[in-house]
Amino acid sequence: MNRVEQKRSKLGIWLERHNRDTDWLTRTSGLERKTIEELASNPKKSPRMITIRKILSAVKRVDPTIKVSDLWDMN
């Protein structure tokens, strides 16, 4: 059976590469599950700055060299 490809954002790809799931990020960042799941699956979704800070704080525990541009396209 073939796995259906899901659209993933840069955040979603980062989570997969580092063997983390949205539940981990929800617990670590203090953000709501719905917010994390939408940001991980929708590459067109742009978070607010406070959300970016919370997510960056959480992912820096795993990858201290991560930058905003590694997770989102900031235009």
PDB file of N, CA and C in Angstrom:
ATOM      1  N   MET A   1       0.844  -1.177   0.000  1.00  0.00           N
ATOM      2  CA  MET A   1       0.000   0.000   0.000  1.00  0.00           C
ATOM      3  C   MET A   1       0.891   1.241   0.000  1.00  0.00           C
ATOM      4  N   ASN A   2       0.626   2.172  -0.875  1.00  0.00           N
ATOM      5  CA  ASN A   2       1.407   3.399  -0.983  1.00  0.00           C
ATOM      6  C   ASN A   2       0.952   4.417   0.039  1.00  0.00           C
ATOM      7  N   ARG A   3       1.903   5.092   0.589  1.00  0.00           N
ATOM      8  CA  ARG A   3       1.603   6.156   1.538  1.00  0.00           C
ATOM      9  C   ARG A   3       1.197   7.394   0.757  1.00  0.00           C
ATOM     10  N   VAL A   4       0.128   8.006   1.157  1.00  0.00           N
ATOM     11  CA  VAL A   4      -0.327   9.236   0.517  1.00  0.00           C
ATOM     12  C   VAL A   4       0.592  10.359   0.971  1.00  0.00           C
ATOM     13  N   GLU A   5       1.160  11.068   0.005  1.00  0.00           N
ATOM     14  CA  GLU A   5       2.060  12.174   0.323  1.00  0.00           C
ATOM     15  C   GLU A   5       1.262  13.342   0.885  1.00  0.00           C
ATOM     16  N   GLN A   6       1.713  13.823   2.024  1.00  0.00           N
ATOM     17  CA  GLN A   6       1.093  14.985   2.630  1.00  0.00           C
ATOM     18  C   GLN A   6       1.922  16.209   2.277  1.00  0.00           C
ATOM     19  N   LYS A   7       1.253  17.329   2.138  1.00  0.00           N
ATOM     20  CA  LYS A   7       1.989  18.574   1.975  1.00  0.00           C
ATOM     21  C   LYS A   7       2.597  18.900   3.325  1.00  0.00           C
ATOM     22  N   ARG A   8       3.843  19.308   3.313  1.00  0.00           N
ATOM     23  CA  ARG A   8       4.523  19.661   4.537  1.00  0.00           C
ATOM     24  C   ARG A   8       5.205  21.013   4.349  1.00  0.00           C
ATOM     25  N   SER A   9       5.214  21.770   5.392  1.00  0.00           N
ATOM     26  CA  SER A   9       5.950  23.033   5.381  1.00  0.00           C
ATOM     27  C   SER A   9       7.398  22.740   5.777  1.00  0.00           C
ATOM     28  N   LYS A  10       8.223  23.767   5.762  1.00  0.00           N
ATOM     29  CA  LYS A  10       9.602  23.595   6.222  1.00  0.00           C
ATOM     30  C   LYS A  10       9.619  23.127   7.679  1.00  0.00           C
ATOM     31  N   LEU A  11       8.687  23.624   8.472  1.00  0.00           N
ATOM     32  CA  LEU A  11       8.582  23.195   9.873  1.00  0.00           C
ATOM     33  C   LEU A  11       8.248  21.713   9.947  1.00  0.00           C
ATOM     34  N   GLY A  12       7.278  21.272   9.158  1.00  0.00           N
ATOM     35  CA  GLY A  12       6.903  19.864   9.138  1.00  0.00           C
ATOM     36  C   GLY A  12       8.051  18.978   8.701  1.00  0.00           C
ATOM     37  N   ILE A  13       8.803  19.409   7.719  1.00  0.00           N
ATOM     38  CA  ILE A  13       9.969  18.652   7.246  1.00  0.00           C
ATOM     39  C   ILE A  13      11.028  18.598   8.343  1.00  0.00           C
ATOM     40  N   TRP A  14      11.249  19.700   9.040  1.00  0.00           N
ATOM     41  CA  TRP A  14      12.217  19.715  10.136  1.00  0.00           C
ATOM     42  C   TRP A  14      11.807  18.715  11.211  1.00  0.00           C
ATOM     43  N   LEU A  15      10.534  18.713  11.571  1.00  0.00           N
ATOM     44  CA  LEU A  15      10.057  17.773  12.590  1.00  0.00           C
ATOM     45  C   LEU A  15      10.328  16.329  12.172  1.00  0.00           C
ATOM     46  N   GLU A  16      10.042  15.992  10.919  1.00  0.00           N
ATOM     47  CA  GLU A  16      10.272  14.638  10.436  1.00  0.00           C
ATOM     48  C   GLU A  16      11.750  14.282  10.467  1.00  0.00           C
ATOM     49  N   ARG A  17      12.596  15.177  10.018  1.00  0.00           N
ATOM     50  CA  ARG A  17      14.048  14.905   9.965  1.00  0.00           C
ATOM     51  C   ARG A  17      14.655  14.713  11.349  1.00  0.00           C
ATOM     52  N   HIS A  18      14.075  15.345  12.343  1.00  0.00           N
ATOM     53  CA  HIS A  18      14.603  15.249  13.704  1.00  0.00           C
ATOM     54  C   HIS A  18      13.777  14.296  14.576  1.00  0.00           C
ATOM     55  N   ASN A  19      12.955  13.491  13.938  1.00  0.00           N
ATOM     56  CA  ASN A  19      12.145  12.478  14.644  1.00  0.00           C
ATOM     57  C   ASN A  19      11.316  13.069  15.777  1.00  0.00           C
ATOM     58  N   ARG A  20      10.709  14.185  15.496  1.00  0.00           N
ATOM     59  CA  ARG A  20       9.818  14.849  16.454  1.00  0.00           C
ATOM     60  C   ARG A  20       8.434  14.897  15.831  1.00  0.00           C
ATOM     61  N   ASP A  21       7.426  14.972  16.670  1.00  0.00           N
ATOM     62  CA  ASP A  21       6.073  15.081  16.145  1.00  0.00           C
ATOM     63  C   ASP A  21       5.426  16.368  16.651  1.00  0.00           C
ATOM     64  N   THR A  22       4.229  16.611  16.164  1.00  0.00           N
ATOM     65  CA  THR A  22       3.547  17.853  16.540  1.00  0.00           C
ATOM     66  C   THR A  22       3.189  17.855  18.026  1.00  0.00           C
ATOM     67  N   ASP A  23       2.968  16.681  18.610  1.00  0.00           N
ATOM     68  CA  ASP A  23       2.689  16.622  20.054  1.00  0.00           C
ATOM     69  C   ASP A  23       3.891  17.118  20.857  1.00  0.00           C
ATOM     70  N   TRP A  24       5.091  16.707  20.438  1.00  0.00           N
ATOM     71  CA  TRP A  24       6.302  17.175  21.119  1.00  0.00           C
ATOM     72  C   TRP A  24       6.392  18.695  21.044  1.00  0.00           C
ATOM     73  N   LEU A  25       6.180  19.242  19.854  1.00  0.00           N
ATOM     74  CA  LEU A  25       6.288  20.693  19.683  1.00  0.00           C
ATOM     75  C   LEU A  25       5.186  21.421  20.443  1.00  0.00           C
ATOM     76  N   THR A  26       4.020  20.839  20.512  1.00  0.00           N
ATOM     77  CA  THR A  26       2.921  21.432  21.285  1.00  0.00           C
ATOM     78  C   THR A  26       3.304  21.525  22.760  1.00  0.00           C
ATOM     79  N   ARG A  27       3.818  20.424  23.314  1.00  0.00           N
ATOM     80  CA  ARG A  27       4.221  20.416  24.724  1.00  0.00           C
ATOM     81  C   ARG A  27       5.392  21.369  24.978  1.00  0.00           C
ATOM     82  N   THR A  28       6.373  21.359  24.104  1.00  0.00           N
ATOM     83  CA  THR A  28       7.594  22.128  24.309  1.00  0.00           C
ATOM     84  C   THR A  28       7.388  23.624  24.109  1.00  0.00           C
ATOM     85  N   SER A  29       6.563  23.996  23.145  1.00  0.00           N
ATOM     86  CA  SER A  29       6.366  25.416  22.837  1.00  0.00           C
ATOM     87  C   SER A  29       5.256  26.066  23.653  1.00  0.00           C
ATOM     88  N   GLY A  30       4.314  25.262  24.134  1.00  0.00           N
ATOM     89  CA  GLY A  30       3.180  25.826  24.859  1.00  0.00           C
ATOM     90  C   GLY A  30       2.083  26.344  23.944  1.00  0.00           C
ATOM     91  N   LEU A  31       2.209  26.074  22.652  1.00  0.00           N
ATOM     92  CA  LEU A  31       1.191  26.507  21.691  1.00  0.00           C
ATOM     93  C   LEU A  31       0.113  25.441  21.542  1.00  0.00           C
ATOM     94  N   GLU A  32      -1.000  25.816  20.956  1.00  0.00           N
ATOM     95  CA  GLU A  32      -2.091  24.864  20.768  1.00  0.00           C
ATOM     96  C   GLU A  32      -1.783  23.886  19.645  1.00  0.00           C
ATOM     97  N   ARG A  33      -2.298  22.681  19.798  1.00  0.00           N
ATOM     98  CA  ARG A  33      -2.069  21.620  18.820  1.00  0.00           C
ATOM     99  C   ARG A  33      -2.535  22.037  17.425  1.00  0.00           C
ATOM    100  N   LYS A  34      -3.690  22.674  17.333  1.00  0.00           N
ATOM    101  CA  LYS A  34      -4.232  23.101  16.043  1.00  0.00           C
ATOM    102  C   LYS A  34      -3.253  24.042  15.327  1.00  0.00           C
ATOM    103  N   THR A  35      -2.666  24.951  16.058  1.00  0.00           N
ATOM    104  CA  THR A  35      -1.706  25.907  15.488  1.00  0.00           C
ATOM    105  C   THR A  35      -0.489  25.181  14.942  1.00  0.00           C
ATOM    106  N   ILE A  36       0.072  24.284  15.738  1.00  0.00           N
ATOM    107  CA  ILE A  36       1.269  23.535  15.331  1.00  0.00           C
ATOM    108  C   ILE A  36       0.977  22.671  14.122  1.00  0.00           C
ATOM    109  N   GLU A  37      -0.139  21.959  14.136  1.00  0.00           N
ATOM    110  CA  GLU A  37      -0.474  21.081  13.008  1.00  0.00           C
ATOM    111  C   GLU A  37      -0.670  21.866  11.724  1.00  0.00           C
ATOM    112  N   GLU A  38      -1.301  23.031  11.824  1.00  0.00           N
ATOM    113  CA  GLU A  38      -1.495  23.851  10.629  1.00  0.00           C
ATOM    114  C   GLU A  38      -0.162  24.388  10.104  1.00  0.00           C
ATOM    115  N   LEU A  39       0.699  24.837  10.987  1.00  0.00           N
ATOM    116  CA  LEU A  39       1.995  25.357  10.566  1.00  0.00           C
ATOM    117  C   LEU A  39       2.888  24.262   9.988  1.00  0.00           C
ATOM    118  N   ALA A  40       2.741  23.028  10.482  1.00  0.00           N
ATOM    119  CA  ALA A  40       3.557  21.918   9.985  1.00  0.00           C
ATOM    120  C   ALA A  40       3.060  21.398   8.647  1.00  0.00           C
ATOM    121  N   SER A  41       1.797  21.604   8.347  1.00  0.00           N
ATOM    122  CA  SER A  41       1.241  21.033   7.121  1.00  0.00           C
ATOM    123  C   SER A  41       0.984  22.049   6.011  1.00  0.00           C
ATOM    124  N   ASN A  42       0.856  23.313   6.339  1.00  0.00           N
ATOM    125  CA  ASN A  42       0.503  24.319   5.349  1.00  0.00           C
ATOM    126  C   ASN A  42       1.700  25.224   5.051  1.00  0.00           C
ATOM    127  N   PRO A  43       2.374  25.004   3.915  1.00  0.00           N
ATOM    128  CA  PRO A  43       3.556  25.822   3.609  1.00  0.00           C
ATOM    129  C   PRO A  43       3.244  27.294   3.343  1.00  0.00           C
ATOM    130  N   LYS A  44       1.988  27.640   3.125  1.00  0.00           N
ATOM    131  CA  LYS A  44       1.623  29.036   2.852  1.00  0.00           C
ATOM    132  C   LYS A  44       1.240  29.798   4.118  1.00  0.00           C
ATOM    133  N   LYS A  45       1.137  29.112   5.230  1.00  0.00           N
ATOM    134  CA  LYS A  45       0.734  29.741   6.485  1.00  0.00           C
ATOM    135  C   LYS A  45       1.904  30.480   7.108  1.00  0.00           C
ATOM    136  N   SER A  46       1.691  31.736   7.453  1.00  0.00           N
ATOM    137  CA  SER A  46       2.717  32.553   8.102  1.00  0.00           C
ATOM    138  C   SER A  46       2.312  32.808   9.550  1.00  0.00           C
ATOM    139  N   PRO A  47       3.147  32.398  10.492  1.00  0.00           N
ATOM    140  CA  PRO A  47       2.808  32.612  11.902  1.00  0.00           C
ATOM    141  C   PRO A  47       3.119  34.026  12.362  1.00  0.00           C
ATOM    142  N   ARG A  48       2.520  34.391  13.483  1.00  0.00           N
ATOM    143  CA  ARG A  48       2.833  35.679  14.106  1.00  0.00           C
ATOM    144  C   ARG A  48       4.203  35.593  14.759  1.00  0.00           C
ATOM    145  N   MET A  49       4.805  36.714  15.041  1.00  0.00           N
ATOM    146  CA  MET A  49       6.158  36.750  15.598  1.00  0.00           C
ATOM    147  C   MET A  49       6.235  36.046  16.950  1.00  0.00           C
ATOM    148  N   ILE A  50       5.248  36.200  17.804  1.00  0.00           N
ATOM    149  CA  ILE A  50       5.278  35.539  19.111  1.00  0.00           C
ATOM    150  C   ILE A  50       5.263  34.021  18.945  1.00  0.00           C
ATOM    151  N   THR A  51       4.532  33.539  17.946  1.00  0.00           N
ATOM    152  CA  THR A  51       4.486  32.109  17.659  1.00  0.00           C
ATOM    153  C   THR A  51       5.836  31.627  17.150  1.00  0.00           C
ATOM    154  N   ILE A  52       6.444  32.414  16.285  1.00  0.00           N
ATOM    155  CA  ILE A  52       7.785  32.072  15.777  1.00  0.00           C
ATOM    156  C   ILE A  52       8.770  31.970  16.935  1.00  0.00           C
ATOM    157  N   ARG A  53       8.730  32.910  17.848  1.00  0.00           N
ATOM    158  CA  ARG A  53       9.660  32.897  18.990  1.00  0.00           C
ATOM    159  C   ARG A  53       9.478  31.646  19.838  1.00  0.00           C
ATOM    160  N   LYS A  54       8.235  31.270  20.098  1.00  0.00           N
ATOM    161  CA  LYS A  54       7.964  30.085  20.918  1.00  0.00           C
ATOM    162  C   LYS A  54       8.446  28.813  20.222  1.00  0.00           C
ATOM    163  N   ILE A  55       8.195  28.719  18.923  1.00  0.00           N
ATOM    164  CA  ILE A  55       8.631  27.539  18.178  1.00  0.00           C
ATOM    165  C   ILE A  55      10.153  27.492  18.107  1.00  0.00           C
ATOM    166  N   LEU A  56      10.793  28.614  17.822  1.00  0.00           N
ATOM    167  CA  LEU A  56      12.259  28.654  17.763  1.00  0.00           C
ATOM    168  C   LEU A  56      12.877  28.269  19.104  1.00  0.00           C
ATOM    169  N   SER A  57      12.302  28.735  20.186  1.00  0.00           N
ATOM    170  CA  SER A  57      12.813  28.387  21.503  1.00  0.00           C
ATOM    171  C   SER A  57      12.757  26.872  21.711  1.00  0.00           C
ATOM    172  N   ALA A  58      11.689  26.250  21.258  1.00  0.00           N
ATOM    173  CA  ALA A  58      11.535  24.796  21.413  1.00  0.00           C
ATOM    174  C   ALA A  58      12.496  24.033  20.520  1.00  0.00           C
ATOM    175  N   VAL A  59      12.598  24.407  19.253  1.00  0.00           N
ATOM    176  CA  VAL A  59      13.435  23.630  18.334  1.00  0.00           C
ATOM    177  C   VAL A  59      14.926  23.858  18.584  1.00  0.00           C
ATOM    178  N   LYS A  60      15.288  24.988  19.190  1.00  0.00           N
ATOM    179  CA  LYS A  60      16.697  25.223  19.506  1.00  0.00           C
ATOM    180  C   LYS A  60      17.204  24.265  20.578  1.00  0.00           C
ATOM    181  N   ARG A  61      16.309  23.628  21.308  1.00  0.00           N
ATOM    182  CA  ARG A  61      16.721  22.608  22.275  1.00  0.00           C
ATOM    183  C   ARG A  61      17.282  21.384  21.561  1.00  0.00           C
ATOM    184  N   VAL A  62      16.827  21.169  20.338  1.00  0.00           N
ATOM    185  CA  VAL A  62      17.283  20.033  19.533  1.00  0.00           C
ATOM    186  C   VAL A  62      18.386  20.466  18.574  1.00  0.00           C
ATOM    187  N   ASP A  63      18.211  21.634  17.962  1.00  0.00           N
ATOM    188  CA  ASP A  63      19.152  22.128  16.951  1.00  0.00           C
ATOM    189  C   ASP A  63      19.476  23.596  17.246  1.00  0.00           C
ATOM    190  N   PRO A  64      20.525  23.849  18.017  1.00  0.00           N
ATOM    191  CA  PRO A  64      20.838  25.229  18.410  1.00  0.00           C
ATOM    192  C   PRO A  64      21.201  26.160  17.254  1.00  0.00           C
ATOM    193  N   THR A  65      21.470  25.628  16.088  1.00  0.00           N
ATOM    194  CA  THR A  65      21.867  26.471  14.950  1.00  0.00           C
ATOM    195  C   THR A  65      20.693  26.870  14.062  1.00  0.00           C
ATOM    196  N   ILE A  66      19.487  26.478  14.412  1.00  0.00           N
ATOM    197  CA  ILE A  66      18.306  26.736  13.567  1.00  0.00           C
ATOM    198  C   ILE A  66      18.049  28.240  13.471  1.00  0.00           C
ATOM    199  N   LYS A  67      17.574  28.671  12.292  1.00  0.00           N
ATOM    200  CA  LYS A  67      17.214  30.071  12.060  1.00  0.00           C
ATOM    201  C   LYS A  67      15.760  30.126  11.567  1.00  0.00           C
ATOM    202  N   VAL A  68      15.173  31.283  11.642  1.00  0.00           N
ATOM    203  CA  VAL A  68      13.796  31.474  11.191  1.00  0.00           C
ATOM    204  C   VAL A  68      13.667  31.048   9.721  1.00  0.00           C
ATOM    205  N   SER A  69      14.657  31.413   8.900  1.00  0.00           N
ATOM    206  CA  SER A  69      14.587  31.098   7.479  1.00  0.00           C
ATOM    207  C   SER A  69      14.674  29.604   7.202  1.00  0.00           C
ATOM    208  N   ASP A  70      15.115  28.809   8.170  1.00  0.00           N
ATOM    209  CA  ASP A  70      15.129  27.360   8.006  1.00  0.00           C
ATOM    210  C   ASP A  70      13.728  26.768   8.149  1.00  0.00           C
ATOM    211  N   LEU A  71      12.829  27.524   8.770  1.00  0.00           N
ATOM    212  CA  LEU A  71      11.477  27.026   9.021  1.00  0.00           C
ATOM    213  C   LEU A  71      10.390  27.731   8.216  1.00  0.00           C
ATOM    214  N   TRP A  72      10.634  28.983   7.848  1.00  0.00           N
ATOM    215  CA  TRP A  72       9.654  29.748   7.094  1.00  0.00           C
ATOM    216  C   TRP A  72      10.342  30.632   6.066  1.00  0.00           C
ATOM    217  N   ASP A  73       9.653  30.896   4.977  1.00  0.00           N
ATOM    218  CA  ASP A  73      10.115  31.870   3.992  1.00  0.00           C
ATOM    219  C   ASP A  73       9.658  33.237   4.467  1.00  0.00           C
ATOM    220  N   MET A  74      10.601  34.052   4.826  1.00  0.00           N
ATOM    221  CA  MET A  74      10.266  35.385   5.324  1.00  0.00           C
ATOM    222  C   MET A  74      10.505  36.393   4.211  1.00  0.00           C
ATOM    223  N   ASN A  75       9.426  36.869   3.618  1.00  0.00           N
ATOM    224  CA  ASN A  75       9.525  37.814   2.508  1.00  0.00           C
ATOM    225  C   ASN A  75       9.283  39.214   2.976  1.00  0.00           C
TER     226      ASN A  75
END
